[in-house]
Amino acid sequence: MSELVAAPRTASVERHTAETEITVELILDGEGHAAIETGLGFLDHMLSTVAKHGRFDLQLECEGDLDVDDHHTAEDCALALGSAFDRALGDRRGIGRFGHAYAPLDEALARVVVDFSGRPSAHVDLGFRRERIGDIATENLTHFFASLATTARMTLHVDVLKGANDHHRAEAAFKALALALRQAVSPTGSGGVPSTKGVL
């Protein structure tokens, strides 16, 4: 009797606009390998962190209008990545659906709660004090989380609970995101859709 082999949970996404050109390759059940080139060093660092701690294999390349500013690149990378999660999850059958995690980075502590509910909603409080971290505006890091939730069709709560250093606050938030996503997308062994509605 042959064993049933689960289909690989992968997605490829291309996003082409007048502002950005983006390609994404995502493997949910990966080993944490990342190849990220967005043109924004700090965003590359954060996305590599998500791949590493979520154990996702992620390739993301973006050519954006950085001559204008960093907004479109941050937003569209999040939209493309969210779409990749949505596609890789399919009908969301057999996943945990919910995930939550705390992650510290030295003095900073972040909490992220995820629900792959099918209903996009984001509530983000990072509490930054600086206008920029490296080459990205801190407001665009907040916007990244909101944009990710939109196309991933998930409810997302991100709260940095403490921290004096904004780099630490941001990195703790992205690490907590990775851990919460890993929990939410993990197979439960059930073949059903985790909803009383029967669909997500």
N, C-alpha and C. Protein backbone atom coordinates (compact mmCIF):
# COMPACT_ATOMS: atom_id res chain seq x y z
N MET A 1 0.86 -1.20 0.00
CA MET A 1 0.00 0.00 0.00
C MET A 1 0.89 1.24 0.00
N SER A 2 0.71 2.10 -0.97
CA SER A 2 1.57 3.27 -1.09
C SER A 2 1.17 4.34 -0.08
N GLU A 3 2.16 5.07 0.42
CA GLU A 3 1.90 6.15 1.36
C GLU A 3 1.44 7.39 0.60
N LEU A 4 0.54 8.12 1.22
CA LEU A 4 0.11 9.39 0.64
C LEU A 4 1.18 10.44 0.90
N VAL A 5 1.53 11.17 -0.11
CA VAL A 5 2.53 12.22 0.01
C VAL A 5 1.84 13.56 -0.16
N ALA A 6 2.00 14.43 0.81
CA ALA A 6 1.37 15.74 0.74
C ALA A 6 1.98 16.56 -0.39
N ALA A 7 1.13 17.28 -1.08
CA ALA A 7 1.61 18.16 -2.15
C ALA A 7 2.47 19.26 -1.54
N PRO A 8 3.55 19.60 -2.22
CA PRO A 8 4.40 20.67 -1.68
C PRO A 8 3.65 21.99 -1.62
N ARG A 9 3.84 22.70 -0.53
CA ARG A 9 3.14 23.97 -0.34
C ARG A 9 4.08 25.08 -0.79
N THR A 10 3.94 25.44 -2.04
CA THR A 10 4.82 26.43 -2.64
C THR A 10 3.98 27.43 -3.42
N ALA A 11 4.61 28.56 -3.72
CA ALA A 11 3.94 29.57 -4.55
C ALA A 11 4.98 30.42 -5.25
N SER A 12 4.61 30.84 -6.45
CA SER A 12 5.39 31.82 -7.22
C SER A 12 4.49 33.00 -7.52
N VAL A 13 5.01 34.18 -7.29
CA VAL A 13 4.23 35.40 -7.50
C VAL A 13 5.08 36.40 -8.26
N GLU A 14 4.47 37.05 -9.24
CA GLU A 14 5.10 38.17 -9.93
C GLU A 14 4.17 39.37 -9.80
N ARG A 15 4.77 40.50 -9.47
CA ARG A 15 3.99 41.74 -9.36
C ARG A 15 4.69 42.80 -10.21
N HIS A 16 3.97 43.30 -11.20
CA HIS A 16 4.54 44.29 -12.11
C HIS A 16 3.66 45.53 -12.10
N THR A 17 4.24 46.64 -11.68
CA THR A 17 3.53 47.92 -11.73
C THR A 17 4.48 48.97 -12.30
N ALA A 18 3.97 50.18 -12.43
CA ALA A 18 4.82 51.29 -12.89
C ALA A 18 5.85 51.67 -11.82
N GLU A 19 5.67 51.15 -10.60
CA GLU A 19 6.54 51.52 -9.48
C GLU A 19 7.52 50.44 -9.06
N THR A 20 7.12 49.17 -9.26
CA THR A 20 7.98 48.05 -8.83
C THR A 20 7.85 46.87 -9.78
N GLU A 21 8.92 46.07 -9.81
CA GLU A 21 8.93 44.78 -10.50
C GLU A 21 9.40 43.76 -9.46
N ILE A 22 8.53 42.80 -9.12
CA ILE A 22 8.83 41.89 -8.01
C ILE A 22 8.57 40.45 -8.43
N THR A 23 9.46 39.56 -8.02
CA THR A 23 9.25 38.13 -8.14
C THR A 23 9.46 37.50 -6.77
N VAL A 24 8.60 36.54 -6.43
CA VAL A 24 8.68 35.85 -5.15
C VAL A 24 8.56 34.35 -5.39
N GLU A 25 9.41 33.59 -4.73
CA GLU A 25 9.30 32.13 -4.69
C GLU A 25 9.27 31.74 -3.22
N LEU A 26 8.22 31.04 -2.79
CA LEU A 26 8.05 30.69 -1.38
C LEU A 26 7.80 29.20 -1.23
N ILE A 27 8.53 28.57 -0.32
CA ILE A 27 8.28 27.18 0.08
C ILE A 27 7.97 27.21 1.57
N LEU A 28 6.74 26.85 1.93
CA LEU A 28 6.35 26.93 3.34
C LEU A 28 7.11 25.91 4.19
N ASP A 29 7.31 24.73 3.66
CA ASP A 29 7.96 23.66 4.42
C ASP A 29 9.41 23.57 4.00
N GLY A 30 10.15 24.61 4.33
CA GLY A 30 11.54 24.72 3.89
C GLY A 30 12.51 24.55 5.03
N GLU A 31 13.68 25.14 4.84
CA GLU A 31 14.76 25.03 5.83
C GLU A 31 15.26 26.39 6.29
N GLY A 32 14.59 27.45 5.86
CA GLY A 32 14.98 28.78 6.28
C GLY A 32 15.98 29.46 5.38
N HIS A 33 16.08 29.00 4.14
CA HIS A 33 17.00 29.61 3.18
C HIS A 33 16.37 30.88 2.59
N ALA A 34 17.17 31.90 2.42
CA ALA A 34 16.65 33.16 1.89
C ALA A 34 17.62 33.76 0.88
N ALA A 35 17.05 34.33 -0.17
CA ALA A 35 17.80 35.13 -1.14
C ALA A 35 16.94 36.36 -1.41
N ILE A 36 17.27 37.45 -0.76
CA ILE A 36 16.43 38.64 -0.78
C ILE A 36 17.21 39.81 -1.36
N GLU A 37 16.63 40.49 -2.33
CA GLU A 37 17.23 41.70 -2.91
C GLU A 37 16.10 42.69 -3.19
N THR A 38 15.91 43.62 -2.28
CA THR A 38 14.86 44.62 -2.46
C THR A 38 15.42 46.00 -2.78
N GLY A 39 16.72 46.17 -2.61
CA GLY A 39 17.32 47.49 -2.73
C GLY A 39 17.32 48.25 -1.42
N LEU A 40 16.68 47.68 -0.40
CA LEU A 40 16.65 48.28 0.94
C LEU A 40 17.30 47.28 1.90
N GLY A 41 18.48 47.61 2.34
CA GLY A 41 19.26 46.67 3.15
C GLY A 41 18.55 46.22 4.41
N PHE A 42 17.89 47.14 5.11
CA PHE A 42 17.24 46.75 6.35
C PHE A 42 16.04 45.84 6.08
N LEU A 43 15.30 46.11 5.00
CA LEU A 43 14.19 45.24 4.65
C LEU A 43 14.69 43.85 4.26
N ASP A 44 15.80 43.78 3.53
CA ASP A 44 16.41 42.49 3.21
C ASP A 44 16.71 41.71 4.49
N HIS A 45 17.27 42.40 5.46
CA HIS A 45 17.62 41.79 6.74
C HIS A 45 16.37 41.26 7.45
N MET A 46 15.29 42.02 7.45
CA MET A 46 14.07 41.60 8.12
C MET A 46 13.41 40.41 7.41
N LEU A 47 13.39 40.42 6.09
CA LEU A 47 12.78 39.31 5.36
C LEU A 47 13.62 38.04 5.49
N SER A 48 14.93 38.17 5.53
CA SER A 48 15.79 37.01 5.77
C SER A 48 15.53 36.44 7.16
N THR A 49 15.26 37.32 8.12
CA THR A 49 14.92 36.90 9.47
C THR A 49 13.62 36.10 9.49
N VAL A 50 12.61 36.55 8.74
CA VAL A 50 11.34 35.82 8.67
C VAL A 50 11.56 34.43 8.09
N ALA A 51 12.33 34.34 7.02
CA ALA A 51 12.60 33.03 6.41
C ALA A 51 13.33 32.11 7.39
N LYS A 52 14.36 32.64 8.03
CA LYS A 52 15.19 31.83 8.93
C LYS A 52 14.38 31.27 10.09
N HIS A 53 13.66 32.13 10.78
CA HIS A 53 12.99 31.71 12.00
C HIS A 53 11.62 31.07 11.73
N GLY A 54 11.06 31.32 10.54
CA GLY A 54 9.84 30.63 10.16
C GLY A 54 10.09 29.33 9.44
N ARG A 55 11.36 29.07 9.10
CA ARG A 55 11.76 27.89 8.34
C ARG A 55 11.05 27.86 6.97
N PHE A 56 10.96 29.04 6.37
CA PHE A 56 10.45 29.16 5.01
C PHE A 56 11.64 29.34 4.07
N ASP A 57 11.59 28.74 2.90
CA ASP A 57 12.56 29.06 1.87
C ASP A 57 11.96 30.19 1.04
N LEU A 58 12.70 31.29 0.92
CA LEU A 58 12.14 32.49 0.31
C LEU A 58 13.15 33.15 -0.61
N GLN A 59 12.73 33.35 -1.85
CA GLN A 59 13.47 34.18 -2.79
C GLN A 59 12.57 35.36 -3.15
N LEU A 60 13.10 36.55 -3.00
CA LEU A 60 12.34 37.74 -3.34
C LEU A 60 13.27 38.77 -3.95
N GLU A 61 12.93 39.19 -5.15
CA GLU A 61 13.70 40.23 -5.84
C GLU A 61 12.77 41.37 -6.22
N CYS A 62 13.23 42.58 -5.97
CA CYS A 62 12.42 43.76 -6.28
C CYS A 62 13.29 44.83 -6.91
N GLU A 63 12.81 45.40 -7.99
CA GLU A 63 13.38 46.61 -8.57
C GLU A 63 12.31 47.69 -8.41
N GLY A 64 12.55 48.59 -7.48
CA GLY A 64 11.55 49.61 -7.18
C GLY A 64 12.03 51.01 -7.47
N ASP A 65 11.12 51.94 -7.39
CA ASP A 65 11.43 53.34 -7.69
C ASP A 65 12.03 54.03 -6.46
N LEU A 66 13.20 53.55 -6.06
CA LEU A 66 13.85 54.10 -4.87
C LEU A 66 14.35 55.53 -5.10
N ASP A 67 14.34 55.96 -6.36
CA ASP A 67 14.66 57.36 -6.63
C ASP A 67 13.53 58.27 -6.13
N VAL A 68 12.34 57.70 -5.97
CA VAL A 68 11.21 58.45 -5.40
C VAL A 68 11.31 58.40 -3.87
N ASP A 69 11.15 57.21 -3.33
CA ASP A 69 11.40 56.93 -1.91
C ASP A 69 11.24 55.44 -1.69
N ASP A 70 11.16 55.01 -0.44
CA ASP A 70 11.13 53.58 -0.12
C ASP A 70 9.72 53.02 0.04
N HIS A 71 8.70 53.87 -0.08
CA HIS A 71 7.33 53.44 0.22
C HIS A 71 6.85 52.33 -0.70
N HIS A 72 6.95 52.54 -2.01
CA HIS A 72 6.39 51.57 -2.95
C HIS A 72 7.10 50.22 -2.84
N THR A 73 8.40 50.25 -2.63
CA THR A 73 9.15 49.00 -2.51
C THR A 73 8.70 48.23 -1.28
N ALA A 74 8.61 48.88 -0.13
CA ALA A 74 8.19 48.21 1.09
C ALA A 74 6.77 47.67 0.95
N GLU A 75 5.88 48.50 0.45
CA GLU A 75 4.47 48.10 0.32
C GLU A 75 4.31 46.94 -0.65
N ASP A 76 4.90 47.06 -1.84
CA ASP A 76 4.67 46.04 -2.86
C ASP A 76 5.37 44.72 -2.53
N CYS A 77 6.51 44.77 -1.85
CA CYS A 77 7.14 43.52 -1.40
C CYS A 77 6.22 42.80 -0.42
N ALA A 78 5.59 43.55 0.47
CA ALA A 78 4.66 42.95 1.42
C ALA A 78 3.44 42.38 0.70
N LEU A 79 2.91 43.10 -0.27
CA LEU A 79 1.75 42.62 -1.01
C LEU A 79 2.08 41.34 -1.77
N ALA A 80 3.25 41.30 -2.39
CA ALA A 80 3.65 40.10 -3.14
C ALA A 80 3.90 38.92 -2.20
N LEU A 81 4.55 39.17 -1.08
CA LEU A 81 4.80 38.10 -0.13
C LEU A 81 3.50 37.58 0.48
N GLY A 82 2.59 38.48 0.82
CA GLY A 82 1.29 38.04 1.33
C GLY A 82 0.55 37.18 0.32
N SER A 83 0.59 37.57 -0.94
CA SER A 83 -0.04 36.77 -2.00
C SER A 83 0.58 35.38 -2.09
N ALA A 84 1.90 35.30 -1.88
CA ALA A 84 2.58 34.01 -1.93
C ALA A 84 2.10 33.10 -0.80
N PHE A 85 1.96 33.65 0.41
CA PHE A 85 1.43 32.85 1.51
C PHE A 85 0.01 32.38 1.20
N ASP A 86 -0.81 33.27 0.68
CA ASP A 86 -2.19 32.92 0.36
C ASP A 86 -2.25 31.79 -0.66
N ARG A 87 -1.46 31.88 -1.71
CA ARG A 87 -1.46 30.84 -2.75
C ARG A 87 -0.90 29.53 -2.24
N ALA A 88 0.18 29.59 -1.46
CA ALA A 88 0.80 28.36 -0.97
C ALA A 88 -0.13 27.61 -0.02
N LEU A 89 -0.99 28.33 0.69
CA LEU A 89 -1.91 27.69 1.63
C LEU A 89 -3.14 27.10 0.96
N GLY A 90 -3.41 27.49 -0.27
CA GLY A 90 -4.57 26.95 -0.97
C GLY A 90 -5.86 27.22 -0.22
N ASP A 91 -6.66 26.15 0.00
CA ASP A 91 -7.93 26.34 0.72
C ASP A 91 -7.75 26.31 2.23
N ARG A 92 -6.49 26.23 2.68
CA ARG A 92 -6.14 26.32 4.11
C ARG A 92 -6.59 25.09 4.89
N ARG A 93 -6.85 24.04 4.18
CA ARG A 93 -7.26 22.79 4.81
C ARG A 93 -6.10 22.19 5.61
N GLY A 94 -6.37 21.80 6.84
CA GLY A 94 -5.39 21.06 7.63
C GLY A 94 -4.32 21.89 8.30
N ILE A 95 -4.47 23.21 8.32
CA ILE A 95 -3.47 24.05 8.99
C ILE A 95 -3.93 24.44 10.39
N GLY A 96 -3.00 24.91 11.20
CA GLY A 96 -3.36 25.36 12.54
C GLY A 96 -4.23 26.60 12.53
N ARG A 97 -4.08 27.42 11.53
CA ARG A 97 -4.81 28.67 11.31
C ARG A 97 -4.35 29.78 12.24
N PHE A 98 -4.28 29.52 13.55
CA PHE A 98 -3.88 30.52 14.53
C PHE A 98 -2.41 30.34 14.90
N GLY A 99 -1.75 31.47 15.16
CA GLY A 99 -0.39 31.41 15.67
C GLY A 99 -0.12 32.61 16.55
N HIS A 100 0.70 32.40 17.57
CA HIS A 100 1.09 33.53 18.42
C HIS A 100 2.51 33.29 18.91
N ALA A 101 3.23 34.38 19.11
CA ALA A 101 4.62 34.24 19.55
C ALA A 101 5.09 35.53 20.20
N TYR A 102 5.96 35.36 21.16
CA TYR A 102 6.74 36.45 21.73
C TYR A 102 8.18 36.24 21.26
N ALA A 103 8.85 37.33 20.96
CA ALA A 103 10.27 37.25 20.62
C ALA A 103 11.00 38.43 21.24
N PRO A 104 12.08 38.16 21.94
CA PRO A 104 12.90 39.25 22.48
C PRO A 104 14.09 39.51 21.58
N LEU A 105 14.62 40.69 21.65
CA LEU A 105 15.95 40.98 21.15
C LEU A 105 16.58 41.94 22.15
N ASP A 106 17.44 41.39 22.98
CA ASP A 106 18.02 42.16 24.08
C ASP A 106 16.91 42.81 24.91
N GLU A 107 16.86 44.13 24.95
CA GLU A 107 15.89 44.80 25.82
C GLU A 107 14.50 44.89 25.20
N ALA A 108 14.38 44.58 23.91
CA ALA A 108 13.10 44.70 23.21
C ALA A 108 12.32 43.39 23.30
N LEU A 109 10.99 43.53 23.32
CA LEU A 109 10.11 42.37 23.37
C LEU A 109 8.90 42.63 22.50
N ALA A 110 8.62 41.70 21.58
CA ALA A 110 7.50 41.85 20.65
C ALA A 110 6.55 40.66 20.76
N ARG A 111 5.28 40.95 20.49
CA ARG A 111 4.25 39.91 20.46
C ARG A 111 3.50 40.00 19.13
N VAL A 112 3.33 38.85 18.48
CA VAL A 112 2.57 38.79 17.22
C VAL A 112 1.53 37.68 17.34
N VAL A 113 0.31 37.99 16.91
CA VAL A 113 -0.78 37.02 16.88
C VAL A 113 -1.35 37.02 15.46
N VAL A 114 -1.52 35.81 14.90
CA VAL A 114 -1.94 35.63 13.52
C VAL A 114 -3.18 34.75 13.47
N ASP A 115 -4.09 35.07 12.59
CA ASP A 115 -5.23 34.22 12.29
C ASP A 115 -5.43 34.24 10.78
N PHE A 116 -5.20 33.09 10.12
CA PHE A 116 -5.44 32.99 8.68
C PHE A 116 -6.94 32.81 8.45
N SER A 117 -7.68 33.84 8.79
CA SER A 117 -9.13 33.82 8.83
C SER A 117 -9.77 34.02 7.46
N GLY A 118 -9.01 34.51 6.51
CA GLY A 118 -9.58 34.91 5.24
C GLY A 118 -10.07 36.34 5.24
N ARG A 119 -9.99 36.99 6.41
CA ARG A 119 -10.46 38.38 6.55
C ARG A 119 -9.27 39.26 6.88
N PRO A 120 -8.81 40.06 5.93
CA PRO A 120 -7.64 40.90 6.17
C PRO A 120 -7.89 41.97 7.23
N SER A 121 -7.01 42.03 8.21
CA SER A 121 -7.11 43.03 9.26
C SER A 121 -5.75 43.13 9.92
N ALA A 122 -5.27 44.35 10.12
CA ALA A 122 -3.96 44.54 10.74
C ALA A 122 -4.04 45.59 11.83
N HIS A 123 -3.40 45.29 12.94
CA HIS A 123 -3.35 46.19 14.09
C HIS A 123 -1.91 46.18 14.57
N VAL A 124 -1.20 47.26 14.29
CA VAL A 124 0.25 47.29 14.44
C VAL A 124 0.67 48.47 15.30
N ASP A 125 1.42 48.18 16.36
CA ASP A 125 1.94 49.21 17.24
C ASP A 125 3.40 48.88 17.55
N LEU A 126 4.29 49.50 16.79
CA LEU A 126 5.72 49.22 16.94
C LEU A 126 6.42 50.23 17.84
N GLY A 127 5.82 51.39 18.04
CA GLY A 127 6.35 52.36 18.99
C GLY A 127 7.71 52.93 18.66
N PHE A 128 7.97 53.12 17.37
CA PHE A 128 9.28 53.64 16.97
C PHE A 128 9.47 55.09 17.42
N ARG A 129 10.71 55.44 17.69
CA ARG A 129 11.06 56.80 18.07
C ARG A 129 11.82 57.51 16.95
N ARG A 130 12.49 56.73 16.11
CA ARG A 130 13.26 57.31 15.01
C ARG A 130 12.42 57.35 13.75
N GLU A 131 12.80 58.23 12.81
CA GLU A 131 12.10 58.31 11.54
C GLU A 131 12.58 57.24 10.56
N ARG A 132 13.82 56.81 10.71
CA ARG A 132 14.37 55.83 9.79
C ARG A 132 15.20 54.81 10.56
N ILE A 133 15.26 53.59 10.00
CA ILE A 133 16.23 52.58 10.42
C ILE A 133 17.00 52.20 9.16
N GLY A 134 18.25 52.53 9.13
CA GLY A 134 19.01 52.30 7.91
C GLY A 134 18.42 53.10 6.76
N ASP A 135 18.01 52.37 5.70
CA ASP A 135 17.54 53.04 4.49
C ASP A 135 16.02 52.99 4.34
N ILE A 136 15.29 52.69 5.41
CA ILE A 136 13.84 52.61 5.30
C ILE A 136 13.19 53.46 6.39
N ALA A 137 12.12 54.14 6.01
CA ALA A 137 11.35 54.93 6.97
C ALA A 137 10.61 53.98 7.91
N THR A 138 10.61 54.29 9.19
CA THR A 138 9.94 53.40 10.15
C THR A 138 8.44 53.30 9.87
N GLU A 139 7.83 54.36 9.35
CA GLU A 139 6.41 54.28 9.03
C GLU A 139 6.15 53.22 7.95
N ASN A 140 7.13 52.97 7.10
CA ASN A 140 6.95 51.97 6.06
C ASN A 140 7.15 50.54 6.58
N LEU A 141 7.83 50.39 7.70
CA LEU A 141 7.87 49.08 8.35
C LEU A 141 6.49 48.75 8.93
N THR A 142 5.86 49.75 9.55
CA THR A 142 4.49 49.56 10.03
C THR A 142 3.56 49.23 8.87
N HIS A 143 3.72 49.95 7.78
CA HIS A 143 2.88 49.73 6.60
C HIS A 143 3.14 48.36 5.99
N PHE A 144 4.36 47.86 6.09
CA PHE A 144 4.68 46.53 5.58
C PHE A 144 3.77 45.48 6.21
N PHE A 145 3.62 45.51 7.53
CA PHE A 145 2.79 44.52 8.21
C PHE A 145 1.34 44.61 7.75
N ALA A 146 0.83 45.83 7.61
CA ALA A 146 -0.56 46.01 7.17
C ALA A 146 -0.77 45.49 5.76
N SER A 147 0.20 45.75 4.88
CA SER A 147 0.08 45.29 3.49
C SER A 147 0.18 43.78 3.40
N LEU A 148 1.05 43.19 4.20
CA LEU A 148 1.19 41.74 4.23
C LEU A 148 -0.13 41.08 4.63
N ALA A 149 -0.79 41.62 5.65
CA ALA A 149 -2.06 41.06 6.11
C ALA A 149 -3.13 41.12 5.04
N THR A 150 -3.10 42.17 4.23
CA THR A 150 -4.13 42.37 3.21
C THR A 150 -4.16 41.23 2.21
N THR A 151 -3.01 40.93 1.59
CA THR A 151 -3.01 39.92 0.53
C THR A 151 -2.85 38.50 1.07
N ALA A 152 -2.33 38.35 2.28
CA ALA A 152 -2.30 37.02 2.90
C ALA A 152 -3.68 36.64 3.43
N ARG A 153 -4.60 37.60 3.45
CA ARG A 153 -5.96 37.39 3.94
C ARG A 153 -5.93 36.84 5.37
N MET A 154 -5.23 37.60 6.23
CA MET A 154 -5.12 37.17 7.62
C MET A 154 -5.36 38.35 8.54
N THR A 155 -5.76 38.02 9.76
CA THR A 155 -5.79 39.00 10.84
C THR A 155 -4.42 38.98 11.49
N LEU A 156 -3.86 40.17 11.72
CA LEU A 156 -2.49 40.27 12.23
C LEU A 156 -2.42 41.34 13.30
N HIS A 157 -1.98 40.95 14.48
CA HIS A 157 -1.73 41.88 15.58
C HIS A 157 -0.23 41.87 15.87
N VAL A 158 0.38 43.04 15.83
CA VAL A 158 1.81 43.18 16.11
C VAL A 158 1.98 44.28 17.16
N ASP A 159 2.55 43.91 18.28
CA ASP A 159 2.78 44.88 19.35
C ASP A 159 4.20 44.71 19.88
N VAL A 160 4.96 45.79 19.86
CA VAL A 160 6.25 45.79 20.54
C VAL A 160 6.00 46.31 21.95
N LEU A 161 6.25 45.47 22.92
CA LEU A 161 5.86 45.74 24.29
C LEU A 161 6.87 46.59 25.04
N LYS A 162 8.14 46.47 24.64
CA LYS A 162 9.18 47.29 25.27
C LYS A 162 10.41 47.30 24.38
N GLY A 163 11.31 48.26 24.65
CA GLY A 163 12.55 48.33 23.90
C GLY A 163 13.00 49.76 23.71
N ALA A 164 14.27 49.99 23.95
CA ALA A 164 14.83 51.33 23.83
C ALA A 164 15.45 51.58 22.46
N ASN A 165 15.81 50.50 21.76
CA ASN A 165 16.53 50.61 20.49
C ASN A 165 15.57 50.23 19.36
N ASP A 166 15.37 51.13 18.40
CA ASP A 166 14.39 50.87 17.34
C ASP A 166 14.79 49.72 16.43
N HIS A 167 16.08 49.52 16.19
CA HIS A 167 16.50 48.34 15.42
C HIS A 167 16.07 47.08 16.15
N HIS A 168 16.26 47.03 17.45
CA HIS A 168 15.86 45.87 18.23
C HIS A 168 14.35 45.70 18.22
N ARG A 169 13.61 46.79 18.31
CA ARG A 169 12.14 46.72 18.29
C ARG A 169 11.65 46.12 16.97
N ALA A 170 12.20 46.59 15.87
CA ALA A 170 11.79 46.09 14.56
C ALA A 170 12.15 44.62 14.40
N GLU A 171 13.37 44.28 14.76
CA GLU A 171 13.80 42.89 14.55
C GLU A 171 13.04 41.92 15.44
N ALA A 172 12.75 42.33 16.66
CA ALA A 172 11.93 41.48 17.54
C ALA A 172 10.56 41.25 16.92
N ALA A 173 9.98 42.29 16.32
CA ALA A 173 8.66 42.15 15.69
C ALA A 173 8.69 41.18 14.53
N PHE A 174 9.70 41.28 13.68
CA PHE A 174 9.79 40.37 12.53
C PHE A 174 10.09 38.94 12.97
N LYS A 175 10.86 38.77 14.02
CA LYS A 175 11.12 37.42 14.53
C LYS A 175 9.84 36.81 15.11
N ALA A 176 9.08 37.62 15.85
CA ALA A 176 7.82 37.12 16.38
C ALA A 176 6.85 36.79 15.25
N LEU A 177 6.85 37.59 14.19
CA LEU A 177 6.03 37.30 13.02
C LEU A 177 6.39 35.94 12.44
N ALA A 178 7.68 35.68 12.28
CA ALA A 178 8.13 34.41 11.73
C ALA A 178 7.63 33.23 12.55
N LEU A 179 7.77 33.33 13.85
CA LEU A 179 7.37 32.24 14.74
C LEU A 179 5.86 32.03 14.73
N ALA A 180 5.10 33.12 14.71
CA ALA A 180 3.65 33.00 14.68
C ALA A 180 3.16 32.42 13.35
N LEU A 181 3.78 32.85 12.25
CA LEU A 181 3.42 32.30 10.94
C LEU A 181 3.72 30.81 10.87
N ARG A 182 4.87 30.40 11.38
CA ARG A 182 5.23 28.99 11.37
C ARG A 182 4.18 28.15 12.08
N GLN A 183 3.73 28.65 13.24
CA GLN A 183 2.71 27.93 13.99
C GLN A 183 1.40 27.89 13.22
N ALA A 184 1.01 29.01 12.64
CA ALA A 184 -0.29 29.09 11.97
C ALA A 184 -0.37 28.24 10.71
N VAL A 185 0.72 28.11 9.97
CA VAL A 185 0.68 27.36 8.71
C VAL A 185 1.01 25.89 8.90
N SER A 186 1.44 25.49 10.08
CA SER A 186 1.85 24.10 10.29
C SER A 186 0.66 23.16 10.16
N PRO A 187 0.87 22.02 9.51
CA PRO A 187 -0.20 21.02 9.40
C PRO A 187 -0.56 20.45 10.77
N THR A 188 -1.83 20.22 10.98
CA THR A 188 -2.30 19.67 12.25
C THR A 188 -2.55 18.17 12.20
N GLY A 189 -2.55 17.60 11.00
CA GLY A 189 -2.91 16.20 10.84
C GLY A 189 -4.38 16.02 10.52
N SER A 190 -5.14 17.08 10.63
CA SER A 190 -6.55 17.05 10.27
C SER A 190 -6.70 17.46 8.81
N GLY A 191 -7.61 16.83 8.13
CA GLY A 191 -7.82 17.17 6.73
C GLY A 191 -8.86 18.24 6.52
N GLY A 192 -9.43 18.74 7.60
CA GLY A 192 -10.52 19.69 7.48
C GLY A 192 -10.08 21.12 7.44
N VAL A 193 -10.99 21.99 7.01
CA VAL A 193 -10.77 23.42 7.05
C VAL A 193 -11.04 23.89 8.49
N PRO A 194 -10.09 24.59 9.12
CA PRO A 194 -10.27 24.96 10.51
C PRO A 194 -11.22 26.15 10.70
N SER A 195 -12.49 25.90 10.39
CA SER A 195 -13.51 26.93 10.54
C SER A 195 -14.87 26.27 10.63
N THR A 196 -15.75 26.78 11.49
CA THR A 196 -17.12 26.28 11.55
C THR A 196 -17.89 26.61 10.29
N LYS A 197 -17.39 27.57 9.50
CA LYS A 197 -18.04 27.91 8.22
C LYS A 197 -17.74 26.88 7.15
N GLY A 198 -16.62 26.14 7.33
CA GLY A 198 -16.21 25.18 6.31
C GLY A 198 -15.33 25.75 5.24
N VAL A 199 -15.12 27.07 5.26
CA VAL A 199 -14.23 27.73 4.29
C VAL A 199 -13.49 28.85 5.01
N LEU A 200 -12.30 29.15 4.48
CA LEU A 200 -11.52 30.29 4.97
C LEU A 200 -11.12 31.14 3.76
